[in-house]
Amino acid sequence: MKDRALRRHQEFKVKKRSIETYENCIGDDLPEAELQELENNVEKLRKVCVANQMSEAPQKAGKKPLRELKHDISMKEQLS
């Protein structure tokens, strides 16, 4: 019983997250005609979503590779 409730909760979270991602991916700034065209064309929708995610990726604070960290440190030292 507990496992089933946990599974339903996780499925609900995944579904909610996918809907939010879809809505954030499309955005509110598109005209109605373009929005309808995107919803009908799955490949184009995927390209738009990937482009949006790529533009948001640098804004996220995550771990940088060691090479980038060394480069950042050397640039800071040069500026100082």
PDB file of N, CA and C in Angstrom:
ATOM      1  N   MET A   1       0.825  -1.197   0.000  1.00  0.00           N
ATOM      2  CA  MET A   1       0.000   0.000   0.000  1.00  0.00           C
ATOM      3  C   MET A   1       0.866   1.256   0.000  1.00  0.00           C
ATOM      4  N   LYS A   2       1.887   1.239   0.872  1.00  0.00           N
ATOM      5  CA  LYS A   2       2.770   2.396   0.977  1.00  0.00           C
ATOM      6  C   LYS A   2       3.567   2.584  -0.318  1.00  0.00           C
ATOM      7  N   ASP A   3       4.016   1.459  -0.894  1.00  0.00           N
ATOM      8  CA  ASP A   3       4.775   1.527  -2.141  1.00  0.00           C
ATOM      9  C   ASP A   3       3.941   2.116  -3.267  1.00  0.00           C
ATOM     10  N   ARG A   4       2.687   1.720  -3.315  1.00  0.00           N
ATOM     11  CA  ARG A   4       1.804   2.225  -4.366  1.00  0.00           C
ATOM     12  C   ARG A   4       1.582   3.727  -4.213  1.00  0.00           C
ATOM     13  N   ALA A   5       1.400   4.185  -2.982  1.00  0.00           N
ATOM     14  CA  ALA A   5       1.209   5.617  -2.739  1.00  0.00           C
ATOM     15  C   ALA A   5       2.467   6.397  -3.097  1.00  0.00           C
ATOM     16  N   LEU A   6       3.619   5.844  -2.751  1.00  0.00           N
ATOM     17  CA  LEU A   6       4.884   6.500  -3.079  1.00  0.00           C
ATOM     18  C   LEU A   6       5.074   6.570  -4.590  1.00  0.00           C
ATOM     19  N   ARG A   7       4.753   5.484  -5.276  1.00  0.00           N
ATOM     20  CA  ARG A   7       4.894   5.456  -6.730  1.00  0.00           C
ATOM     21  C   ARG A   7       3.958   6.469  -7.390  1.00  0.00           C
ATOM     22  N   ARG A   8       2.710   6.553  -6.905  1.00  0.00           N
ATOM     23  CA  ARG A   8       1.770   7.538  -7.457  1.00  0.00           C
ATOM     24  C   ARG A   8       2.271   8.956  -7.228  1.00  0.00           C
ATOM     25  N   HIS A   9       2.819   9.193  -6.042  1.00  0.00           N
ATOM     26  CA  HIS A   9       3.345  10.524  -5.727  1.00  0.00           C
ATOM     27  C   HIS A   9       4.504  10.877  -6.657  1.00  0.00           C
ATOM     28  N   GLN A  10       5.408   9.925  -6.876  1.00  0.00           N
ATOM     29  CA  GLN A  10       6.544  10.173  -7.760  1.00  0.00           C
ATOM     30  C   GLN A  10       6.087  10.389  -9.198  1.00  0.00           C
ATOM     31  N   GLU A  11       5.118   9.611  -9.643  1.00  0.00           N
ATOM     32  CA  GLU A  11       4.589   9.791 -10.997  1.00  0.00           C
ATOM     33  C   GLU A  11       3.939  11.159 -11.145  1.00  0.00           C
ATOM     34  N   PHE A  12       3.230  11.592 -10.120  1.00  0.00           N
ATOM     35  CA  PHE A  12       2.606  12.909 -10.146  1.00  0.00           C
ATOM     36  C   PHE A  12       3.665  14.004 -10.234  1.00  0.00           C
ATOM     37  N   LYS A  13       4.746  13.864  -9.456  1.00  0.00           N
ATOM     38  CA  LYS A  13       5.819  14.858  -9.482  1.00  0.00           C
ATOM     39  C   LYS A  13       6.471  14.929 -10.861  1.00  0.00           C
ATOM     40  N   VAL A  14       6.708  13.771 -11.463  1.00  0.00           N
ATOM     41  CA  VAL A  14       7.325  13.727 -12.791  1.00  0.00           C
ATOM     42  C   VAL A  14       6.402  14.363 -13.824  1.00  0.00           C
ATOM     43  N   LYS A  15       5.118  14.052 -13.750  1.00  0.00           N
ATOM     44  CA  LYS A  15       4.155  14.616 -14.699  1.00  0.00           C
ATOM     45  C   LYS A  15       4.079  16.130 -14.543  1.00  0.00           C
ATOM     46  N   LYS A  16       4.044  16.602 -13.297  1.00  0.00           N
ATOM     47  CA  LYS A  16       3.980  18.040 -13.034  1.00  0.00           C
ATOM     48  C   LYS A  16       5.237  18.736 -13.551  1.00  0.00           C
ATOM     49  N   ARG A  17       6.394  18.127 -13.312  1.00  0.00           N
ATOM     50  CA  ARG A  17       7.655  18.707 -13.770  1.00  0.00           C
ATOM     51  C   ARG A  17       7.716  18.766 -15.296  1.00  0.00           C
ATOM     52  N   SER A  18       7.217  17.721 -15.970  1.00  0.00           N
ATOM     53  CA  SER A  18       7.244  17.719 -17.430  1.00  0.00           C
ATOM     54  C   SER A  18       6.309  18.782 -17.997  1.00  0.00           C
ATOM     55  N   ILE A  19       5.165  18.994 -17.356  1.00  0.00           N
ATOM     56  CA  ILE A  19       4.243  20.042 -17.807  1.00  0.00           C
ATOM     57  C   ILE A  19       4.871  21.414 -17.608  1.00  0.00           C
ATOM     58  N   GLU A  20       5.525  21.626 -16.456  1.00  0.00           N
ATOM     59  CA  GLU A  20       6.184  22.908 -16.202  1.00  0.00           C
ATOM     60  C   GLU A  20       7.303  23.145 -17.205  1.00  0.00           C
ATOM     61  N   THR A  21       8.072  22.103 -17.491  1.00  0.00           N
ATOM     62  CA  THR A  21       9.158  22.228 -18.458  1.00  0.00           C
ATOM     63  C   THR A  21       8.607  22.584 -19.829  1.00  0.00           C
ATOM     64  N   TYR A  22       7.516  21.932 -20.225  1.00  0.00           N
ATOM     65  CA  TYR A  22       6.889  22.199 -21.513  1.00  0.00           C
ATOM     66  C   TYR A  22       6.415  23.641 -21.592  1.00  0.00           C
ATOM     67  N   GLU A  23       5.754  24.117 -20.531  1.00  0.00           N
ATOM     68  CA  GLU A  23       5.240  25.485 -20.538  1.00  0.00           C
ATOM     69  C   GLU A  23       6.371  26.504 -20.507  1.00  0.00           C
ATOM     70  N   ASN A  24       7.419  26.235 -19.746  1.00  0.00           N
ATOM     71  CA  ASN A  24       8.561  27.143 -19.703  1.00  0.00           C
ATOM     72  C   ASN A  24       9.315  27.132 -21.022  1.00  0.00           C
ATOM     73  N   CYS A  25       9.309  25.987 -21.656  1.00  0.00           N
ATOM     74  CA  CYS A  25      10.021  25.844 -22.919  1.00  0.00           C
ATOM     75  C   CYS A  25       9.377  26.694 -24.007  1.00  0.00           C
ATOM     76  N   ILE A  26       8.078  26.661 -24.083  1.00  0.00           N
ATOM     77  CA  ILE A  26       7.374  27.409 -25.124  1.00  0.00           C
ATOM     78  C   ILE A  26       7.370  28.894 -24.813  1.00  0.00           C
ATOM     79  N   GLY A  27       7.049  29.259 -23.609  1.00  0.00           N
ATOM     80  CA  GLY A  27       7.023  30.666 -23.229  1.00  0.00           C
ATOM     81  C   GLY A  27       5.713  31.327 -23.605  1.00  0.00           C
ATOM     82  N   ASP A  28       5.509  32.509 -23.062  1.00  0.00           N
ATOM     83  CA  ASP A  28       4.272  33.249 -23.310  1.00  0.00           C
ATOM     84  C   ASP A  28       4.417  34.287 -24.413  1.00  0.00           C
ATOM     85  N   ASP A  29       5.624  34.481 -24.907  1.00  0.00           N
ATOM     86  CA  ASP A  29       5.859  35.560 -25.853  1.00  0.00           C
ATOM     87  C   ASP A  29       5.579  35.183 -27.302  1.00  0.00           C
ATOM     88  N   LEU A  30       5.205  33.937 -27.562  1.00  0.00           N
ATOM     89  CA  LEU A  30       4.933  33.523 -28.936  1.00  0.00           C
ATOM     90  C   LEU A  30       3.508  33.887 -29.340  1.00  0.00           C
ATOM     91  N   PRO A  31       3.332  34.296 -30.609  1.00  0.00           N
ATOM     92  CA  PRO A  31       1.974  34.543 -31.102  1.00  0.00           C
ATOM     93  C   PRO A  31       1.185  33.226 -31.186  1.00  0.00           C
ATOM     94  N   GLU A  32      -0.108  33.344 -31.233  1.00  0.00           N
ATOM     95  CA  GLU A  32      -0.987  32.168 -31.220  1.00  0.00           C
ATOM     96  C   GLU A  32      -0.737  31.250 -32.419  1.00  0.00           C
ATOM     97  N   ALA A  33      -0.480  31.833 -33.595  1.00  0.00           N
ATOM     98  CA  ALA A  33      -0.252  31.019 -34.794  1.00  0.00           C
ATOM     99  C   ALA A  33       1.021  30.190 -34.650  1.00  0.00           C
ATOM    100  N   GLU A  34       2.096  30.811 -34.153  1.00  0.00           N
ATOM    101  CA  GLU A  34       3.349  30.078 -33.966  1.00  0.00           C
ATOM    102  C   GLU A  34       3.205  29.016 -32.894  1.00  0.00           C
ATOM    103  N   LEU A  35       2.460  29.332 -31.859  1.00  0.00           N
ATOM    104  CA  LEU A  35       2.233  28.384 -30.775  1.00  0.00           C
ATOM    105  C   LEU A  35       1.512  27.146 -31.298  1.00  0.00           C
ATOM    106  N   GLN A  36       0.502  27.348 -32.115  1.00  0.00           N
ATOM    107  CA  GLN A  36      -0.246  26.227 -32.695  1.00  0.00           C
ATOM    108  C   GLN A  36       0.648  25.406 -33.620  1.00  0.00           C
ATOM    109  N   GLU A  37       1.496  26.091 -34.406  1.00  0.00           N
ATOM    110  CA  GLU A  37       2.404  25.394 -35.318  1.00  0.00           C
ATOM    111  C   GLU A  37       3.402  24.547 -34.535  1.00  0.00           C
ATOM    112  N   LEU A  38       3.919  25.096 -33.433  1.00  0.00           N
ATOM    113  CA  LEU A  38       4.869  24.351 -32.607  1.00  0.00           C
ATOM    114  C   LEU A  38       4.225  23.117 -31.993  1.00  0.00           C
ATOM    115  N   GLU A  39       3.015  23.249 -31.520  1.00  0.00           N
ATOM    116  CA  GLU A  39       2.345  22.109 -30.896  1.00  0.00           C
ATOM    117  C   GLU A  39       2.066  21.007 -31.912  1.00  0.00           C
ATOM    118  N   ASN A  40       1.872  21.372 -33.171  1.00  0.00           N
ATOM    119  CA  ASN A  40       1.620  20.377 -34.208  1.00  0.00           C
ATOM    120  C   ASN A  40       2.909  19.736 -34.709  1.00  0.00           C
ATOM    121  N   ASN A  41       4.035  20.447 -34.620  1.00  0.00           N
ATOM    122  CA  ASN A  41       5.301  19.955 -35.138  1.00  0.00           C
ATOM    123  C   ASN A  41       6.213  19.579 -33.969  1.00  0.00           C
ATOM    124  N   VAL A  42       6.298  18.293 -33.681  1.00  0.00           N
ATOM    125  CA  VAL A  42       7.033  17.811 -32.517  1.00  0.00           C
ATOM    126  C   VAL A  42       8.532  18.067 -32.660  1.00  0.00           C
ATOM    127  N   GLU A  43       9.096  17.857 -33.842  1.00  0.00           N
ATOM    128  CA  GLU A  43      10.535  18.054 -34.034  1.00  0.00           C
ATOM    129  C   GLU A  43      10.931  19.509 -33.801  1.00  0.00           C
ATOM    130  N   LYS A  44      10.128  20.418 -34.305  1.00  0.00           N
ATOM    131  CA  LYS A  44      10.417  21.835 -34.111  1.00  0.00           C
ATOM    132  C   LYS A  44      10.309  22.201 -32.631  1.00  0.00           C
ATOM    133  N   LEU A  45       9.338  21.618 -31.952  1.00  0.00           N
ATOM    134  CA  LEU A  45       9.168  21.862 -30.520  1.00  0.00           C
ATOM    135  C   LEU A  45      10.390  21.379 -29.751  1.00  0.00           C
ATOM    136  N   ARG A  46      10.912  20.225 -30.120  1.00  0.00           N
ATOM    137  CA  ARG A  46      12.117  19.709 -29.458  1.00  0.00           C
ATOM    138  C   ARG A  46      13.295  20.650 -29.672  1.00  0.00           C
ATOM    139  N   LYS A  47      13.441  21.164 -30.893  1.00  0.00           N
ATOM    140  CA  LYS A  47      14.548  22.081 -31.174  1.00  0.00           C
ATOM    141  C   LYS A  47      14.427  23.349 -30.345  1.00  0.00           C
ATOM    142  N   VAL A  48      13.223  23.879 -30.224  1.00  0.00           N
ATOM    143  CA  VAL A  48      13.005  25.091 -29.435  1.00  0.00           C
ATOM    144  C   VAL A  48      13.312  24.821 -27.972  1.00  0.00           C
ATOM    145  N   CYS A  49      12.881  23.671 -27.469  1.00  0.00           N
ATOM    146  CA  CYS A  49      13.130  23.328 -26.066  1.00  0.00           C
ATOM    147  C   CYS A  49      14.618  23.156 -25.797  1.00  0.00           C
ATOM    148  N   VAL A  50      15.318  22.497 -26.695  1.00  0.00           N
ATOM    149  CA  VAL A  50      16.758  22.307 -26.513  1.00  0.00           C
ATOM    150  C   VAL A  50      17.472  23.643 -26.565  1.00  0.00           C
ATOM    151  N   ALA A  51      17.066  24.527 -27.457  1.00  0.00           N
ATOM    152  CA  ALA A  51      17.688  25.848 -27.543  1.00  0.00           C
ATOM    153  C   ALA A  51      17.457  26.639 -26.259  1.00  0.00           C
ATOM    154  N   ASN A  52      16.257  26.554 -25.694  1.00  0.00           N
ATOM    155  CA  ASN A  52      15.974  27.247 -24.435  1.00  0.00           C
ATOM    156  C   ASN A  52      16.799  26.675 -23.296  1.00  0.00           C
ATOM    157  N   GLN A  53      16.946  25.366 -23.250  1.00  0.00           N
ATOM    158  CA  GLN A  53      17.723  24.752 -22.179  1.00  0.00           C
ATOM    159  C   GLN A  53      19.198  25.092 -22.311  1.00  0.00           C
ATOM    160  N   MET A  54      19.693  25.178 -23.533  1.00  0.00           N
ATOM    161  CA  MET A  54      21.101  25.520 -23.729  1.00  0.00           C
ATOM    162  C   MET A  54      21.372  26.952 -23.300  1.00  0.00           C
ATOM    163  N   SER A  55      20.431  27.852 -23.528  1.00  0.00           N
ATOM    164  CA  SER A  55      20.637  29.239 -23.133  1.00  0.00           C
ATOM    165  C   SER A  55      20.540  29.403 -21.621  1.00  0.00           C
ATOM    166  N   GLU A  56      19.802  28.523 -20.948  1.00  0.00           N
ATOM    167  CA  GLU A  56      19.670  28.595 -19.496  1.00  0.00           C
ATOM    168  C   GLU A  56      20.803  27.881 -18.776  1.00  0.00           C
ATOM    169  N   ALA A  57      21.506  26.996 -19.449  1.00  0.00           N
ATOM    170  CA  ALA A  57      22.535  26.185 -18.804  1.00  0.00           C
ATOM    171  C   ALA A  57      23.647  27.009 -18.153  1.00  0.00           C
ATOM    172  N   PRO A  58      24.194  28.038 -18.792  1.00  0.00           N
ATOM    173  CA  PRO A  58      25.271  28.780 -18.136  1.00  0.00           C
ATOM    174  C   PRO A  58      24.816  29.517 -16.880  1.00  0.00           C
ATOM    175  N   GLN A  59      23.550  29.788 -16.736  1.00  0.00           N
ATOM    176  CA  GLN A  59      23.053  30.504 -15.574  1.00  0.00           C
ATOM    177  C   GLN A  59      23.039  29.621 -14.333  1.00  0.00           C
ATOM    178  N   LYS A  60      22.980  28.328 -14.499  1.00  0.00           N
ATOM    179  CA  LYS A  60      22.928  27.424 -13.362  1.00  0.00           C
ATOM    180  C   LYS A  60      24.311  27.329 -12.729  1.00  0.00           C
ATOM    181  N   ALA A  61      24.337  27.358 -11.420  1.00  0.00           N
ATOM    182  CA  ALA A  61      25.592  27.219 -10.700  1.00  0.00           C
ATOM    183  C   ALA A  61      25.815  25.742 -10.424  1.00  0.00           C
ATOM    184  N   GLY A  62      26.796  25.191 -11.089  1.00  0.00           N
ATOM    185  CA  GLY A  62      27.096  23.788 -10.898  1.00  0.00           C
ATOM    186  C   GLY A  62      28.593  23.606 -10.815  1.00  0.00           C
ATOM    187  N   LYS A  63      29.008  22.373 -10.775  1.00  0.00           N
ATOM    188  CA  LYS A  63      30.436  22.101 -10.717  1.00  0.00           C
ATOM    189  C   LYS A  63      31.046  22.358 -12.083  1.00  0.00           C
ATOM    190  N   LYS A  64      32.193  23.039 -12.060  1.00  0.00           N
ATOM    191  CA  LYS A  64      32.922  23.271 -13.297  1.00  0.00           C
ATOM    192  C   LYS A  64      34.021  22.222 -13.406  1.00  0.00           C
ATOM    193  N   PRO A  65      34.413  21.900 -14.621  1.00  0.00           N
ATOM    194  CA  PRO A  65      35.552  21.001 -14.783  1.00  0.00           C
ATOM    195  C   PRO A  65      36.824  21.661 -14.240  1.00  0.00           C
ATOM    196  N   LEU A  66      37.786  20.842 -13.902  1.00  0.00           N
ATOM    197  CA  LEU A  66      39.030  21.328 -13.311  1.00  0.00           C
ATOM    198  C   LEU A  66      39.734  22.319 -14.232  1.00  0.00           C
ATOM    199  N   ARG A  67      39.691  22.069 -15.534  1.00  0.00           N
ATOM    200  CA  ARG A  67      40.341  22.962 -16.492  1.00  0.00           C
ATOM    201  C   ARG A  67      39.736  24.368 -16.426  1.00  0.00           C
ATOM    202  N   GLU A  68      38.413  24.438 -16.340  1.00  0.00           N
ATOM    203  CA  GLU A  68      37.751  25.747 -16.250  1.00  0.00           C
ATOM    204  C   GLU A  68      38.081  26.443 -14.943  1.00  0.00           C
ATOM    205  N   LEU A  69      38.131  25.684 -13.852  1.00  0.00           N
ATOM    206  CA  LEU A  69      38.480  26.277 -12.559  1.00  0.00           C
ATOM    207  C   LEU A  69      39.887  26.866 -12.593  1.00  0.00           C
ATOM    208  N   LYS A  70      40.838  26.123 -13.156  1.00  0.00           N
ATOM    209  CA  LYS A  70      42.215  26.622 -13.262  1.00  0.00           C
ATOM    210  C   LYS A  70      42.264  27.872 -14.126  1.00  0.00           C
ATOM    211  N   HIS A  71      41.517  27.872 -15.204  1.00  0.00           N
ATOM    212  CA  HIS A  71      41.484  29.034 -16.092  1.00  0.00           C
ATOM    213  C   HIS A  71      40.905  30.245 -15.366  1.00  0.00           C
ATOM    214  N   ASP A  72      39.831  30.044 -14.621  1.00  0.00           N
ATOM    215  CA  ASP A  72      39.226  31.145 -13.866  1.00  0.00           C
ATOM    216  C   ASP A  72      40.199  31.717 -12.845  1.00  0.00           C
ATOM    217  N   ILE A  73      40.912  30.833 -12.150  1.00  0.00           N
ATOM    218  CA  ILE A  73      41.875  31.293 -11.142  1.00  0.00           C
ATOM    219  C   ILE A  73      42.995  32.078 -11.796  1.00  0.00           C
ATOM    220  N   SER A  74      43.507  31.584 -12.919  1.00  0.00           N
ATOM    221  CA  SER A  74      44.602  32.297 -13.586  1.00  0.00           C
ATOM    222  C   SER A  74      44.134  33.646 -14.122  1.00  0.00           C
ATOM    223  N   MET A  75      42.890  33.713 -14.604  1.00  0.00           N
ATOM    224  CA  MET A  75      42.375  34.998 -15.089  1.00  0.00           C
ATOM    225  C   MET A  75      42.210  35.983 -13.934  1.00  0.00           C
ATOM    226  N   LYS A  76      41.751  35.514 -12.782  1.00  0.00           N
ATOM    227  CA  LYS A  76      41.620  36.384 -11.614  1.00  0.00           C
ATOM    228  C   LYS A  76      42.982  36.900 -11.171  1.00  0.00           C
ATOM    229  N   GLU A  77      43.989  36.027 -11.214  1.00  0.00           N
ATOM    230  CA  GLU A  77      45.340  36.444 -10.824  1.00  0.00           C
ATOM    231  C   GLU A  77      45.893  37.478 -11.792  1.00  0.00           C
ATOM    232  N   GLN A  78      45.607  37.329 -13.067  1.00  0.00           N
ATOM    233  CA  GLN A  78      46.088  38.297 -14.058  1.00  0.00           C
ATOM    234  C   GLN A  78      45.407  39.644 -13.877  1.00  0.00           C
ATOM    235  N   LEU A  79      44.140  39.626 -13.507  1.00  0.00           N
ATOM    236  CA  LEU A  79      43.416  40.881 -13.323  1.00  0.00           C
ATOM    237  C   LEU A  79      43.839  41.598 -12.046  1.00  0.00           C
ATOM    238  N   SER A  80      44.326  40.860 -11.063  1.00  0.00           N
ATOM    239  CA  SER A  80      44.713  41.478  -9.781  1.00  0.00           C
ATOM    240  C   SER A  80      46.050  42.165  -9.843  1.00  0.00           C
TER     241      SER A  80
END
